[in-house]
Amino acid sequence: MVSVYGNWVDSNGNKYHPPYTCTFLLGIIGSLIYFLAIVMPHGNWAIGTMMLGNFIRGMGGAGKTLAYSYVVRYIW
């Protein structure tokens, strides 16, 4: 996802807010889905829900590289 976010920033004219907001939303949604595994039936459903939540949360976590480049852009 890092390359997707980087391409999005470059195509936006170095505007970091939309992709950065997307990473936060993906992290929150992934955490909520992971939390919802508690109410799923035991077994494959719960494990699948946990895996999906971690996958989506990981897509949001890839945005931490945006923070580094965002800070460097404004300092440099």
PDB file of N, CA and C in Angstrom:
ATOM      1  N   MET A   1       0.814  -1.201   0.000  1.00  0.00           N
ATOM      2  CA  MET A   1       0.000   0.000   0.000  1.00  0.00           C
ATOM      3  C   MET A   1       0.855   1.261   0.000  1.00  0.00           C
ATOM      4  N   VAL A   2       2.115   1.157   0.383  1.00  0.00           N
ATOM      5  CA  VAL A   2       2.968   2.344   0.420  1.00  0.00           C
ATOM      6  C   VAL A   2       3.085   2.948  -0.971  1.00  0.00           C
ATOM      7  N   SER A   3       3.268   2.111  -1.984  1.00  0.00           N
ATOM      8  CA  SER A   3       3.387   2.644  -3.341  1.00  0.00           C
ATOM      9  C   SER A   3       2.071   3.248  -3.826  1.00  0.00           C
ATOM     10  N   VAL A   4       0.945   2.682  -3.401  1.00  0.00           N
ATOM     11  CA  VAL A   4      -0.368   3.238  -3.776  1.00  0.00           C
ATOM     12  C   VAL A   4      -0.545   4.618  -3.149  1.00  0.00           C
ATOM     13  N   TYR A   5      -0.206   4.741  -1.860  1.00  0.00           N
ATOM     14  CA  TYR A   5      -0.326   6.034  -1.197  1.00  0.00           C
ATOM     15  C   TYR A   5       0.627   7.054  -1.809  1.00  0.00           C
ATOM     16  N   GLY A   6       1.851   6.620  -2.119  1.00  0.00           N
ATOM     17  CA  GLY A   6       2.815   7.528  -2.738  1.00  0.00           C
ATOM     18  C   GLY A   6       2.355   8.017  -4.093  1.00  0.00           C
ATOM     19  N   ASN A   7       1.798   7.110  -4.892  1.00  0.00           N
ATOM     20  CA  ASN A   7       1.265   7.498  -6.201  1.00  0.00           C
ATOM     21  C   ASN A   7       0.095   8.454  -6.038  1.00  0.00           C
ATOM     22  N   TRP A   8      -0.742   8.226  -5.038  1.00  0.00           N
ATOM     23  CA  TRP A   8      -1.896   9.084  -4.781  1.00  0.00           C
ATOM     24  C   TRP A   8      -1.434  10.498  -4.409  1.00  0.00           C
ATOM     25  N   VAL A   9      -0.419  10.586  -3.569  1.00  0.00           N
ATOM     26  CA  VAL A   9       0.114  11.896  -3.176  1.00  0.00           C
ATOM     27  C   VAL A   9       0.702  12.604  -4.381  1.00  0.00           C
ATOM     28  N   ASP A  10       1.474  11.884  -5.199  1.00  0.00           N
ATOM     29  CA  ASP A  10       2.097  12.491  -6.373  1.00  0.00           C
ATOM     30  C   ASP A  10       1.061  12.961  -7.386  1.00  0.00           C
ATOM     31  N   SER A  11       0.006  12.178  -7.590  1.00  0.00           N
ATOM     32  CA  SER A  11      -1.016  12.559  -8.557  1.00  0.00           C
ATOM     33  C   SER A  11      -1.900  13.691  -8.040  1.00  0.00           C
ATOM     34  N   ASN A  12      -1.907  13.901  -6.728  1.00  0.00           N
ATOM     35  CA  ASN A  12      -2.686  14.974  -6.106  1.00  0.00           C
ATOM     36  C   ASN A  12      -1.939  16.293  -6.066  1.00  0.00           C
ATOM     37  N   GLY A  13      -0.711  16.318  -6.532  1.00  0.00           N
ATOM     38  CA  GLY A  13       0.065  17.548  -6.452  1.00  0.00           C
ATOM     39  C   GLY A  13       0.656  17.750  -5.066  1.00  0.00           C
ATOM     40  N   ASN A  14       1.139  16.663  -4.454  1.00  0.00           N
ATOM     41  CA  ASN A  14       1.753  16.689  -3.121  1.00  0.00           C
ATOM     42  C   ASN A  14       0.794  17.137  -2.025  1.00  0.00           C
ATOM     43  N   LYS A  15      -0.474  16.791  -2.157  1.00  0.00           N
ATOM     44  CA  LYS A  15      -1.448  17.043  -1.094  1.00  0.00           C
ATOM     45  C   LYS A  15      -1.608  15.764  -0.289  1.00  0.00           C
ATOM     46  N   TYR A  16      -1.220  15.827   0.968  1.00  0.00           N
ATOM     47  CA  TYR A  16      -1.165  14.642   1.808  1.00  0.00           C
ATOM     48  C   TYR A  16      -2.452  14.365   2.575  1.00  0.00           C
ATOM     49  N   HIS A  17      -3.326  15.314   2.681  1.00  0.00           N
ATOM     50  CA  HIS A  17      -4.487  15.149   3.563  1.00  0.00           C
ATOM     51  C   HIS A  17      -5.446  14.028   3.146  1.00  0.00           C
ATOM     52  N   PRO A  18      -5.857  13.915   1.876  1.00  0.00           N
ATOM     53  CA  PRO A  18      -6.784  12.813   1.535  1.00  0.00           C
ATOM     54  C   PRO A  18      -6.193  11.420   1.766  1.00  0.00           C
ATOM     55  N   PRO A  19      -4.953  11.132   1.313  1.00  0.00           N
ATOM     56  CA  PRO A  19      -4.431   9.793   1.581  1.00  0.00           C
ATOM     57  C   PRO A  19      -4.186   9.539   3.071  1.00  0.00           C
ATOM     58  N   TYR A  20      -3.760  10.574   3.783  1.00  0.00           N
ATOM     59  CA  TYR A  20      -3.495  10.423   5.205  1.00  0.00           C
ATOM     60  C   TYR A  20      -4.795  10.155   5.969  1.00  0.00           C
ATOM     61  N   THR A  21      -5.861  10.830   5.581  1.00  0.00           N
ATOM     62  CA  THR A  21      -7.173  10.586   6.182  1.00  0.00           C
ATOM     63  C   THR A  21      -7.637   9.163   5.887  1.00  0.00           C
ATOM     64  N   CYS A  22      -7.379   8.700   4.676  1.00  0.00           N
ATOM     65  CA  CYS A  22      -7.751   7.338   4.297  1.00  0.00           C
ATOM     66  C   CYS A  22      -7.021   6.312   5.154  1.00  0.00           C
ATOM     67  N   THR A  23      -5.743   6.552   5.441  1.00  0.00           N
ATOM     68  CA  THR A  23      -4.997   5.600   6.274  1.00  0.00           C
ATOM     69  C   THR A  23      -5.562   5.546   7.689  1.00  0.00           C
ATOM     70  N   PHE A  24      -5.941   6.696   8.231  1.00  0.00           N
ATOM     71  CA  PHE A  24      -6.554   6.701   9.563  1.00  0.00           C
ATOM     72  C   PHE A  24      -7.879   5.950   9.556  1.00  0.00           C
ATOM     73  N   LEU A  25      -8.696   6.176   8.527  1.00  0.00           N
ATOM     74  CA  LEU A  25      -9.993   5.503   8.450  1.00  0.00           C
ATOM     75  C   LEU A  25      -9.823   3.995   8.289  1.00  0.00           C
ATOM     76  N   LEU A  26      -8.866   3.576   7.475  1.00  0.00           N
ATOM     77  CA  LEU A  26      -8.622   2.144   7.313  1.00  0.00           C
ATOM     78  C   LEU A  26      -8.160   1.518   8.628  1.00  0.00           C
ATOM     79  N   GLY A  27      -7.329   2.217   9.368  1.00  0.00           N
ATOM     80  CA  GLY A  27      -6.888   1.708  10.661  1.00  0.00           C
ATOM     81  C   GLY A  27      -8.030   1.564  11.643  1.00  0.00           C
ATOM     82  N   ILE A  28      -8.915   2.542  11.672  1.00  0.00           N
ATOM     83  CA  ILE A  28     -10.061   2.496  12.580  1.00  0.00           C
ATOM     84  C   ILE A  28     -11.034   1.395  12.167  1.00  0.00           C
ATOM     85  N   ILE A  29     -11.341   1.317  10.884  1.00  0.00           N
ATOM     86  CA  ILE A  29     -12.273   0.296  10.396  1.00  0.00           C
ATOM     87  C   ILE A  29     -11.709  -1.101  10.634  1.00  0.00           C
ATOM     88  N   GLY A  30     -10.414  -1.272  10.368  1.00  0.00           N
ATOM     89  CA  GLY A  30      -9.784  -2.573  10.614  1.00  0.00           C
ATOM     90  C   GLY A  30      -9.831  -2.968  12.073  1.00  0.00           C
ATOM     91  N   SER A  31      -9.613  -2.012  12.956  1.00  0.00           N
ATOM     92  CA  SER A  31      -9.681  -2.307  14.388  1.00  0.00           C
ATOM     93  C   SER A  31     -11.099  -2.667  14.817  1.00  0.00           C
ATOM     94  N   LEU A  32     -12.086  -1.993  14.261  1.00  0.00           N
ATOM     95  CA  LEU A  32     -13.479  -2.320  14.583  1.00  0.00           C
ATOM     96  C   LEU A  32     -13.860  -3.710  14.095  1.00  0.00           C
ATOM     97  N   ILE A  33     -13.421  -4.056  12.889  1.00  0.00           N
ATOM     98  CA  ILE A  33     -13.717  -5.398  12.374  1.00  0.00           C
ATOM     99  C   ILE A  33     -13.038  -6.457  13.235  1.00  0.00           C
ATOM    100  N   TYR A  34     -11.803  -6.184  13.640  1.00  0.00           N
ATOM    101  CA  TYR A  34     -11.097  -7.119  14.518  1.00  0.00           C
ATOM    102  C   TYR A  34     -11.845  -7.280  15.840  1.00  0.00           C
ATOM    103  N   PHE A  35     -12.356  -6.178  16.367  1.00  0.00           N
ATOM    104  CA  PHE A  35     -13.122  -6.226  17.606  1.00  0.00           C
ATOM    105  C   PHE A  35     -14.415  -7.016  17.438  1.00  0.00           C
ATOM    106  N   LEU A  36     -15.037  -6.931  16.267  1.00  0.00           N
ATOM    107  CA  LEU A  36     -16.293  -7.635  16.029  1.00  0.00           C
ATOM    108  C   LEU A  36     -16.123  -9.148  15.964  1.00  0.00           C
ATOM    109  N   ALA A  37     -14.894  -9.628  15.930  1.00  0.00           N
ATOM    110  CA  ALA A  37     -14.673 -11.073  15.928  1.00  0.00           C
ATOM    111  C   ALA A  37     -15.190 -11.708  17.213  1.00  0.00           C
ATOM    112  N   ILE A  38     -15.341 -10.897  18.253  1.00  0.00           N
ATOM    113  CA  ILE A  38     -15.862 -11.408  19.529  1.00  0.00           C
ATOM    114  C   ILE A  38     -17.281 -11.937  19.371  1.00  0.00           C
ATOM    115  N   VAL A  39     -18.094 -11.265  18.566  1.00  0.00           N
ATOM    116  CA  VAL A  39     -19.496 -11.651  18.432  1.00  0.00           C
ATOM    117  C   VAL A  39     -19.729 -12.686  17.335  1.00  0.00           C
ATOM    118  N   MET A  40     -18.685 -13.043  16.610  1.00  0.00           N
ATOM    119  CA  MET A  40     -18.834 -14.042  15.552  1.00  0.00           C
ATOM    120  C   MET A  40     -18.862 -15.436  16.171  1.00  0.00           C
ATOM    121  N   PRO A  41     -19.481 -16.388  15.479  1.00  0.00           N
ATOM    122  CA  PRO A  41     -19.453 -17.770  15.972  1.00  0.00           C
ATOM    123  C   PRO A  41     -18.010 -18.283  16.035  1.00  0.00           C
ATOM    124  N   HIS A  42     -17.749 -19.138  16.997  1.00  0.00           N
ATOM    125  CA  HIS A  42     -16.401 -19.684  17.157  1.00  0.00           C
ATOM    126  C   HIS A  42     -15.999 -20.474  15.921  1.00  0.00           C
ATOM    127  N   GLY A  43     -14.733 -20.476  15.644  1.00  0.00           N
ATOM    128  CA  GLY A  43     -14.221 -21.266  14.524  1.00  0.00           C
ATOM    129  C   GLY A  43     -13.808 -20.396  13.367  1.00  0.00           C
ATOM    130  N   ASN A  44     -14.148 -20.863  12.171  1.00  0.00           N
ATOM    131  CA  ASN A  44     -13.675 -20.208  10.951  1.00  0.00           C
ATOM    132  C   ASN A  44     -14.178 -18.781  10.791  1.00  0.00           C
ATOM    133  N   TRP A  45     -15.406 -18.513  11.210  1.00  0.00           N
ATOM    134  CA  TRP A  45     -15.943 -17.157  11.081  1.00  0.00           C
ATOM    135  C   TRP A  45     -15.142 -16.166  11.920  1.00  0.00           C
ATOM    136  N   ALA A  46     -14.856 -16.520  13.137  1.00  0.00           N
ATOM    137  CA  ALA A  46     -14.099 -15.625  14.023  1.00  0.00           C
ATOM    138  C   ALA A  46     -12.680 -15.431  13.517  1.00  0.00           C
ATOM    139  N   ILE A  47     -12.052 -16.511  13.079  1.00  0.00           N
ATOM    140  CA  ILE A  47     -10.682 -16.401  12.570  1.00  0.00           C
ATOM    141  C   ILE A  47     -10.645 -15.574  11.294  1.00  0.00           C
ATOM    142  N   GLY A  48     -11.612 -15.795  10.404  1.00  0.00           N
ATOM    143  CA  GLY A  48     -11.678 -15.007   9.169  1.00  0.00           C
ATOM    144  C   GLY A  48     -11.905 -13.533   9.438  1.00  0.00           C
ATOM    145  N   THR A  49     -12.749 -13.228  10.414  1.00  0.00           N
ATOM    146  CA  THR A  49     -13.001 -11.837  10.772  1.00  0.00           C
ATOM    147  C   THR A  49     -11.745 -11.188  11.341  1.00  0.00           C
ATOM    148  N   MET A  50     -11.015 -11.926  12.164  1.00  0.00           N
ATOM    149  CA  MET A  50      -9.774 -11.391  12.714  1.00  0.00           C
ATOM    150  C   MET A  50      -8.737 -11.153  11.612  1.00  0.00           C
ATOM    151  N   MET A  51      -8.654 -12.077  10.667  1.00  0.00           N
ATOM    152  CA  MET A  51      -7.693 -11.916   9.567  1.00  0.00           C
ATOM    153  C   MET A  51      -8.060 -10.729   8.685  1.00  0.00           C
ATOM    154  N   LEU A  52      -9.348 -10.561   8.401  1.00  0.00           N
ATOM    155  CA  LEU A  52      -9.788  -9.423   7.600  1.00  0.00           C
ATOM    156  C   LEU A  52      -9.504  -8.112   8.314  1.00  0.00           C
ATOM    157  N   GLY A  53      -9.785  -8.066   9.608  1.00  0.00           N
ATOM    158  CA  GLY A  53      -9.513  -6.862  10.382  1.00  0.00           C
ATOM    159  C   GLY A  53      -8.036  -6.507  10.391  1.00  0.00           C
ATOM    160  N   ASN A  54      -7.171  -7.506  10.561  1.00  0.00           N
ATOM    161  CA  ASN A  54      -5.735  -7.254  10.542  1.00  0.00           C
ATOM    162  C   ASN A  54      -5.255  -6.821   9.161  1.00  0.00           C
ATOM    163  N   PHE A  55      -5.831  -7.389   8.114  1.00  0.00           N
ATOM    164  CA  PHE A  55      -5.460  -7.002   6.754  1.00  0.00           C
ATOM    165  C   PHE A  55      -5.802  -5.542   6.488  1.00  0.00           C
ATOM    166  N   ILE A  56      -7.008  -5.143   6.838  1.00  0.00           N
ATOM    167  CA  ILE A  56      -7.429  -3.753   6.611  1.00  0.00           C
ATOM    168  C   ILE A  56      -6.640  -2.804   7.502  1.00  0.00           C
ATOM    169  N   ARG A  57      -6.390  -3.195   8.730  1.00  0.00           N
ATOM    170  CA  ARG A  57      -5.594  -2.363   9.629  1.00  0.00           C
ATOM    171  C   ARG A  57      -4.166  -2.218   9.108  1.00  0.00           C
ATOM    172  N   GLY A  58      -3.637  -3.253   8.499  1.00  0.00           N
ATOM    173  CA  GLY A  58      -2.310  -3.190   7.900  1.00  0.00           C
ATOM    174  C   GLY A  58      -2.252  -2.246   6.717  1.00  0.00           C
ATOM    175  N   MET A  59      -3.337  -2.180   5.941  1.00  0.00           N
ATOM    176  CA  MET A  59      -3.381  -1.225   4.834  1.00  0.00           C
ATOM    177  C   MET A  59      -3.344   0.194   5.360  1.00  0.00           C
ATOM    178  N   GLY A  60      -3.945   0.425   6.496  1.00  0.00           N
ATOM    179  CA  GLY A  60      -3.885   1.746   7.108  1.00  0.00           C
ATOM    180  C   GLY A  60      -2.537   2.015   7.735  1.00  0.00           C
ATOM    181  N   GLY A  61      -1.913   0.992   8.276  1.00  0.00           N
ATOM    182  CA  GLY A  61      -0.609   1.156   8.916  1.00  0.00           C
ATOM    183  C   GLY A  61       0.492   1.491   7.946  1.00  0.00           C
ATOM    184  N   ALA A  62       0.304   1.177   6.679  1.00  0.00           N
ATOM    185  CA  ALA A  62       1.315   1.507   5.676  1.00  0.00           C
ATOM    186  C   ALA A  62       1.431   3.011   5.487  1.00  0.00           C
ATOM    187  N   GLY A  63       0.480   3.757   5.991  1.00  0.00           N
ATOM    188  CA  GLY A  63       0.505   5.203   5.857  1.00  0.00           C
ATOM    189  C   GLY A  63       1.497   5.902   6.757  1.00  0.00           C
ATOM    190  N   LYS A  64       2.161   5.155   7.646  1.00  0.00           N
ATOM    191  CA  LYS A  64       3.130   5.818   8.509  1.00  0.00           C
ATOM    192  C   LYS A  64       4.294   6.372   7.700  1.00  0.00           C
ATOM    193  N   THR A  65       4.561   5.798   6.546  1.00  0.00           N
ATOM    194  CA  THR A  65       5.610   6.363   5.696  1.00  0.00           C
ATOM    195  C   THR A  65       5.187   7.718   5.142  1.00  0.00           C
ATOM    196  N   LEU A  66       3.880   7.935   5.032  1.00  0.00           N
ATOM    197  CA  LEU A  66       3.408   9.259   4.613  1.00  0.00           C
ATOM    198  C   LEU A  66       3.794  10.314   5.636  1.00  0.00           C
ATOM    199  N   ALA A  67       3.768   9.950   6.893  1.00  0.00           N
ATOM    200  CA  ALA A  67       4.125  10.907   7.943  1.00  0.00           C
ATOM    201  C   ALA A  67       5.572  11.341   7.795  1.00  0.00           C
ATOM    202  N   TYR A  68       6.455  10.391   7.499  1.00  0.00           N
ATOM    203  CA  TYR A  68       7.864  10.736   7.331  1.00  0.00           C
ATOM    204  C   TYR A  68       8.063  11.693   6.154  1.00  0.00           C
ATOM    205  N   SER A  69       7.481  11.366   5.007  1.00  0.00           N
ATOM    206  CA  SER A  69       7.671  12.217   3.836  1.00  0.00           C
ATOM    207  C   SER A  69       6.948  13.557   3.997  1.00  0.00           C
ATOM    208  N   TYR A  70       5.830  13.572   4.723  1.00  0.00           N
ATOM    209  CA  TYR A  70       5.095  14.804   4.975  1.00  0.00           C
ATOM    210  C   TYR A  70       5.935  15.774   5.809  1.00  0.00           C
ATOM    211  N   VAL A  71       6.572  15.254   6.839  1.00  0.00           N
ATOM    212  CA  VAL A  71       7.418  16.088   7.698  1.00  0.00           C
ATOM    213  C   VAL A  71       8.634  16.575   6.923  1.00  0.00           C
ATOM    214  N   VAL A  72       9.271  15.693   6.164  1.00  0.00           N
ATOM    215  CA  VAL A  72      10.452  16.081   5.391  1.00  0.00           C
ATOM    216  C   VAL A  72      10.104  17.141   4.371  1.00  0.00           C
ATOM    217  N   ARG A  73       8.939  17.033   3.765  1.00  0.00           N
ATOM    218  CA  ARG A  73       8.532  18.010   2.743  1.00  0.00           C
ATOM    219  C   ARG A  73       8.428  19.404   3.342  1.00  0.00           C
ATOM    220  N   TYR A  74       7.912  19.519   4.541  1.00  0.00           N
ATOM    221  CA  TYR A  74       7.725  20.837   5.138  1.00  0.00           C
ATOM    222  C   TYR A  74       8.956  21.347   5.875  1.00  0.00           C
ATOM    223  N   ILE A  75       9.863  20.461   6.239  1.00  0.00           N
ATOM    224  CA  ILE A  75      11.094  20.902   6.878  1.00  0.00           C
ATOM    225  C   ILE A  75      12.139  21.288   5.832  1.00  0.00           C
ATOM    226  N   TRP A  76      12.222  20.506   4.771  1.00  0.00           N
ATOM    227  CA  TRP A  76      13.257  20.679   3.773  1.00  0.00           C
ATOM    228  C   TRP A  76      13.012  21.876   2.980  1.00  0.00           C
TER     229      TRP A  76
END
